[in-house]
C-alpha atoms as a PDB file:
ATOM      1  CA  MET A   1      28.672 -23.726   8.274  1.00  0.00           C
ATOM      2  CA  SER A   2      29.179 -25.634   5.171  1.00  0.00           C
ATOM      3  CA  ASP A   3      32.510 -26.026   3.449  1.00  0.00           C
ATOM      4  CA  ASN A   4      30.761 -25.667   0.031  1.00  0.00           C
ATOM      5  CA  TYR A   5      31.058 -22.283  -1.520  1.00  0.00           C
ATOM      6  CA  LEU A   6      27.638 -22.576  -2.696  1.00  0.00           C
ATOM      7  CA  LEU A   7      25.523 -23.630   0.259  1.00  0.00           C
ATOM      8  CA  ASN A   8      27.283 -20.656   1.992  1.00  0.00           C
ATOM      9  CA  LEU A   9      26.016 -18.299  -0.367  1.00  0.00           C
ATOM     10  CA  TYR A  10      22.998 -19.692  -0.333  1.00  0.00           C
ATOM     11  CA  ASN A  11      22.416 -19.480   3.675  1.00  0.00           C
ATOM     12  CA  LYS A  12      24.121 -16.168   3.769  1.00  0.00           C
ATOM     13  CA  THR A  13      21.603 -14.573   0.965  1.00  0.00           C
ATOM     14  CA  LEU A  14      18.561 -16.340   2.687  1.00  0.00           C
ATOM     15  CA  LYS A  15      18.847 -13.933   5.777  1.00  0.00           C
ATOM     16  CA  LEU A  16      18.303 -10.867   3.033  1.00  0.00           C
ATOM     17  CA  PRO A  17      15.288  -9.459   2.327  1.00  0.00           C
ATOM     18  CA  ALA A  18      14.119 -11.351  -0.786  1.00  0.00           C
ATOM     19  CA  GLY A  19      17.201 -13.500  -0.617  1.00  0.00           C
ATOM     20  CA  ARG A  20      16.136 -16.763  -2.535  1.00  0.00           C
ATOM     21  CA  LYS A  21      15.554 -14.239  -5.699  1.00  0.00           C
ATOM     22  CA  LEU A  22      18.798 -12.767  -5.102  1.00  0.00           C
ATOM     23  CA  PHE A  23      20.708 -16.073  -4.954  1.00  0.00           C
ATOM     24  CA  SER A  24      18.694 -17.351  -7.998  1.00  0.00           C
ATOM     25  CA  LEU A  25      19.863 -14.381 -10.017  1.00  0.00           C
ATOM     26  CA  VAL A  26      23.432 -14.595  -9.036  1.00  0.00           C
ATOM     27  CA  PHE A  27      23.230 -18.134  -9.714  1.00  0.00           C
ATOM     28  CA  SER A  28      21.583 -17.619 -13.195  1.00  0.00           C
ATOM     29  CA  ARG A  29      24.474 -15.568 -14.081  1.00  0.00           C
ATOM     30  CA  LYS A  30      26.836 -18.476 -13.991  1.00  0.00           C
ATOM     31  CA  ALA A  31      24.954 -20.094 -16.738  1.00  0.00           C
ATOM     32  CA  PRO A  32      22.859 -17.265 -18.530  1.00  0.00           C
ATOM     33  CA  TYR A  33      20.410 -19.457 -20.477  1.00  0.00           C
ATOM     34  CA  PHE A  34      19.051 -20.285 -16.675  1.00  0.00           C
ATOM     35  CA  GLY A  35      17.568 -16.664 -17.018  1.00  0.00           C
ATOM     36  CA  THR A  36      15.439 -17.050 -19.889  1.00  0.00           C
ATOM     37  CA  ILE A  37      12.895 -18.868 -17.123  1.00  0.00           C
ATOM     38  CA  SER A  38      13.602 -16.299 -14.178  1.00  0.00           C
ATOM     39  CA  PRO A  39      13.789 -19.368 -11.636  1.00  0.00           C
ATOM     40  CA  VAL A  40      13.869 -19.379  -7.933  1.00  0.00           C
ATOM     41  CA  ILE A  41      16.070 -21.670  -6.209  1.00  0.00           C
ATOM     42  CA  THR A  42      13.559 -22.274  -2.874  1.00  0.00           C
ATOM     43  CA  GLU A  43      15.375 -25.166  -1.624  1.00  0.00           C
ATOM     44  CA  LEU A  44      19.032 -26.385  -1.795  1.00  0.00           C
ATOM     45  CA  ARG A  45      20.744 -28.537   0.344  1.00  0.00           C
ATOM     46  CA  PRO A  46      23.118 -31.223  -0.399  1.00  0.00           C
ATOM     47  CA  ASN A  47      22.017 -33.817  -2.898  1.00  0.00           C
ATOM     48  CA  TYR A  48      18.580 -32.189  -3.531  1.00  0.00           C
ATOM     49  CA  CYS A  49      17.466 -28.896  -4.935  1.00  0.00           C
ATOM     50  CA  GLU A  50      13.752 -27.155  -5.640  1.00  0.00           C
ATOM     51  CA  VAL A  51      13.421 -24.746  -8.241  1.00  0.00           C
ATOM     52  CA  LYS A  52      10.270 -22.865  -9.084  1.00  0.00           C
ATOM     53  CA  PHE A  53       9.325 -20.560 -12.149  1.00  0.00           C
ATOM     54  CA  LYS A  54       6.272 -18.855 -13.168  1.00  0.00           C
ATOM     55  CA  LYS A  55       3.885 -20.053 -16.283  1.00  0.00           C
ATOM     56  CA  ARG A  56       3.933 -16.767 -18.660  1.00  0.00           C
ATOM     57  CA  LYS A  57       4.046 -15.754 -22.188  1.00  0.00           C
ATOM     58  CA  GLY A  58       7.635 -16.114 -22.472  1.00  0.00           C
ATOM     59  CA  VAL A  59       7.863 -19.961 -21.539  1.00  0.00           C
ATOM     60  CA  GLU A  60       4.541 -21.120 -23.135  1.00  0.00           C
ATOM     61  CA  ASN A  61       4.093 -22.720 -26.092  1.00  0.00           C
ATOM     62  CA  HIS A  62       1.726 -22.689 -29.139  1.00  0.00           C
ATOM     63  CA  ILE A  63      -1.134 -24.588 -26.934  1.00  0.00           C
ATOM     64  CA  GLN A  64      -0.659 -22.090 -23.894  1.00  0.00           C
ATOM     65  CA  THR A  65       1.037 -24.485 -21.530  1.00  0.00           C
ATOM     66  CA  VAL A  66       4.255 -24.351 -20.423  1.00  0.00           C
ATOM     67  CA  HIS A  67       7.011 -25.290 -23.226  1.00  0.00           C
ATOM     68  CA  VAL A  68       9.180 -28.517 -22.185  1.00  0.00           C
ATOM     69  CA  ILE A  69      12.387 -26.852 -23.144  1.00  0.00           C
ATOM     70  CA  ALA A  70      11.716 -24.527 -20.328  1.00  0.00           C
ATOM     71  CA  ILE A  71      10.593 -27.092 -18.205  1.00  0.00           C
ATOM     72  CA  CYS A  72      14.188 -28.705 -19.394  1.00  0.00           C
ATOM     73  CA  ASN A  73      15.966 -25.834 -18.503  1.00  0.00           C
ATOM     74  CA  ALA A  74      14.610 -25.572 -14.814  1.00  0.00           C
ATOM     75  CA  LEU A  75      15.380 -29.219 -14.506  1.00  0.00           C
ATOM     76  CA  GLU A  76      19.120 -28.634 -15.322  1.00  0.00           C
ATOM     77  CA  CYS A  77      19.288 -25.509 -13.355  1.00  0.00           C
ATOM     78  CA  ALA A  78      17.891 -27.402 -10.178  1.00  0.00           C
ATOM     79  CA  MET A  79      20.556 -30.426 -11.146  1.00  0.00           C
ATOM     80  CA  GLY A  80      23.372 -28.220 -11.312  1.00  0.00           C
ATOM     81  CA  ALA A  81      22.988 -26.342  -8.174  1.00  0.00           C
ATOM     82  CA  MET A  82      22.660 -29.615  -6.396  1.00  0.00           C
ATOM     83  CA  ALA A  83      25.525 -31.194  -7.945  1.00  0.00           C
ATOM     84  CA  GLU A  84      27.556 -27.876  -7.097  1.00  0.00           C
ATOM     85  CA  SER A  85      26.733 -28.106  -3.700  1.00  0.00           C
ATOM     86  CA  SER A  86      27.148 -31.770  -3.001  1.00  0.00           C
ATOM     87  CA  VAL A  87      29.827 -32.626  -5.156  1.00  0.00           C
ATOM     88  CA  PRO A  88      33.136 -33.688  -2.979  1.00  0.00           C
ATOM     89  CA  LYS A  89      35.883 -31.410  -3.075  1.00  0.00           C
ATOM     90  CA  HIS A  90      38.276 -33.732  -4.892  1.00  0.00           C
ATOM     91  CA  LEU A  91      35.775 -34.210  -7.665  1.00  0.00           C
ATOM     92  CA  ARG A  92      34.161 -32.553 -10.411  1.00  0.00           C
ATOM     93  CA  TRP A  93      30.878 -33.271 -12.622  1.00  0.00           C
ATOM     94  CA  ILE A  94      29.893 -32.443 -16.244  1.00  0.00           C
ATOM     95  CA  PRO A  95      26.499 -33.409 -17.657  1.00  0.00           C
ATOM     96  CA  LYS A  96      26.474 -36.228 -20.328  1.00  0.00           C
ATOM     97  CA  GLY A  97      22.819 -36.547 -20.966  1.00  0.00           C
ATOM     98  CA  MET A  98      19.285 -36.012 -20.269  1.00  0.00           C
ATOM     99  CA  SER A  99      16.306 -38.348 -20.704  1.00  0.00           C
ATOM    100  CA  VAL A 100      12.595 -37.105 -19.967  1.00  0.00           C
ATOM    101  CA  ASN A 101       9.159 -38.131 -20.378  1.00  0.00           C
ATOM    102  CA  TYR A 102       6.307 -35.886 -20.573  1.00  0.00           C
ATOM    103  CA  THR A 103       3.499 -36.815 -18.475  1.00  0.00           C
ATOM    104  CA  ALA A 104       0.938 -34.417 -18.253  1.00  0.00           C
ATOM    105  CA  LYS A 105       0.490 -30.782 -19.772  1.00  0.00           C
ATOM    106  CA  ALA A 106       2.159 -28.138 -18.097  1.00  0.00           C
ATOM    107  CA  THR A 107      -0.753 -25.659 -17.195  1.00  0.00           C
ATOM    108  CA  SER A 108       0.426 -23.795 -14.406  1.00  0.00           C
ATOM    109  CA  ASP A 109       3.418 -22.672 -12.718  1.00  0.00           C
ATOM    110  CA  ILE A 110       6.357 -25.088 -12.442  1.00  0.00           C
ATOM    111  CA  THR A 111       8.359 -27.033  -9.580  1.00  0.00           C
ATOM    112  CA  ALA A 112      11.505 -28.525 -10.564  1.00  0.00           C
ATOM    113  CA  VAL A 113      13.159 -30.952  -8.593  1.00  0.00           C
ATOM    114  CA  ALA A 114      16.951 -32.905  -8.788  1.00  0.00           C
ATOM    115  CA  GLU A 115      18.029 -35.266  -6.205  1.00  0.00           C
ATOM    116  CA  ALA A 116      21.161 -37.813  -6.099  1.00  0.00           C
ATOM    117  CA  ARG A 117      22.464 -40.382  -3.442  1.00  0.00           C
ATOM    118  CA  PRO A 118      25.305 -39.440  -1.464  1.00  0.00           C
ATOM    119  CA  GLU A 119      26.666 -42.470  -1.619  1.00  0.00           C
ATOM    120  CA  ASP A 120      26.628 -42.048  -5.476  1.00  0.00           C
ATOM    121  CA  TRP A 121      29.261 -39.204  -5.409  1.00  0.00           C
ATOM    122  CA  LYS A 122      32.392 -41.305  -6.991  1.00  0.00           C
ATOM    123  CA  PRO A 123      33.898 -41.152 -10.278  1.00  0.00           C
ATOM    124  CA  GLY A 124      31.807 -42.934 -13.395  1.00  0.00           C
ATOM    125  CA  ASP A 125      28.675 -42.375 -14.187  1.00  0.00           C
ATOM    126  CA  LEU A 126      25.904 -40.503 -12.121  1.00  0.00           C
ATOM    127  CA  PRO A 127      22.237 -40.565 -12.735  1.00  0.00           C
ATOM    128  CA  VAL A 128      20.299 -37.571 -10.994  1.00  0.00           C
ATOM    129  CA  THR A 129      16.690 -38.275 -10.785  1.00  0.00           C
ATOM    130  CA  VAL A 130      14.613 -35.209 -11.842  1.00  0.00           C
ATOM    131  CA  LYS A 131      11.126 -33.781 -11.983  1.00  0.00           C
ATOM    132  CA  ALA A 132       8.851 -31.356 -12.556  1.00  0.00           C
ATOM    133  CA  MET A 133       5.077 -30.781 -11.335  1.00  0.00           C
ATOM    134  CA  ARG A 134       2.417 -28.277 -11.714  1.00  0.00           C
ATOM    135  CA  ASP A 135       0.787 -26.618  -8.917  1.00  0.00           C
ATOM    136  CA  ASP A 136      -1.309 -29.338  -8.069  1.00  0.00           C
ATOM    137  CA  GLY A 137       1.512 -31.784  -7.763  1.00  0.00           C
ATOM    138  CA  THR A 138       0.847 -33.534 -10.777  1.00  0.00           C
ATOM    139  CA  VAL A 139       4.329 -34.435 -12.429  1.00  0.00           C
ATOM    140  CA  VAL A 140       4.652 -33.130 -16.053  1.00  0.00           C
ATOM    141  CA  VAL A 141       8.054 -34.523 -16.753  1.00  0.00           C
ATOM    142  CA  GLU A 142      10.103 -36.846 -15.178  1.00  0.00           C
ATOM    143  CA  GLY A 143      13.626 -38.791 -15.797  1.00  0.00           C
ATOM    144  CA  THR A 144      17.246 -38.677 -15.609  1.00  0.00           C
ATOM    145  CA  ILE A 145      20.264 -36.193 -16.127  1.00  0.00           C
ATOM    146  CA  ASN A 146      23.485 -38.153 -16.479  1.00  0.00           C
ATOM    147  CA  LEU A 147      26.526 -36.923 -15.302  1.00  0.00           C
ATOM    148  CA  TRP A 148      30.142 -37.884 -15.562  1.00  0.00           C
ATOM    149  CA  ILE A 149      32.057 -37.813 -12.412  1.00  0.00           C
ATOM    150  CA  SER A 150      35.849 -37.338 -12.146  1.00  0.00           C
ATOM    151  CA  GLU A 151      38.585 -36.742 -10.172  1.00  0.00           C
ATOM    152  CA  LYS A 152      40.257 -33.257 -10.523  1.00  0.00           C
ATOM    153  CA  PRO A 153      43.273 -32.850 -11.982  1.00  0.00           C
ATOM    154  CA  ALA A 154      46.113 -32.345  -9.304  1.00  0.00           C
ATOM    155  CA  LYS A 155      47.324 -28.397  -9.294  1.00  0.00           C
ATOM    156  CA  GLY A 156      51.062 -27.516 -10.284  1.00  0.00           C
END
């Protein structure tokens, strides 16, 4: 068992019926805006997270493709779960910015992925690679979410 609370919760909920959906609901309560896309965290491990959400009217734009802001929401959800399940106990993180490129129309359900390298978890800037794909594997958005990593303040 991991010493990371989020990974432990994820692994416990996987043993339950609809465990991924249950975990995703709990995680979305931490940052309620994530709930607007009804994400399902389908894979979570240190330095990697995959989130899926369905193309539906509530996330579409005027041309009936998935709105890029909904996709960015999924990318930030994936980054947040990845970061929280990866950050060493003596460090903390906060997002500083997001830079994305729109590379294709988002015409189907979306899979969003966030990845970091284990050796990059140290104080300073940490660029997290993010991408979102259609069902056919075509990348529709790719970019970087920049995190600021710092030491946790001493308790006392």
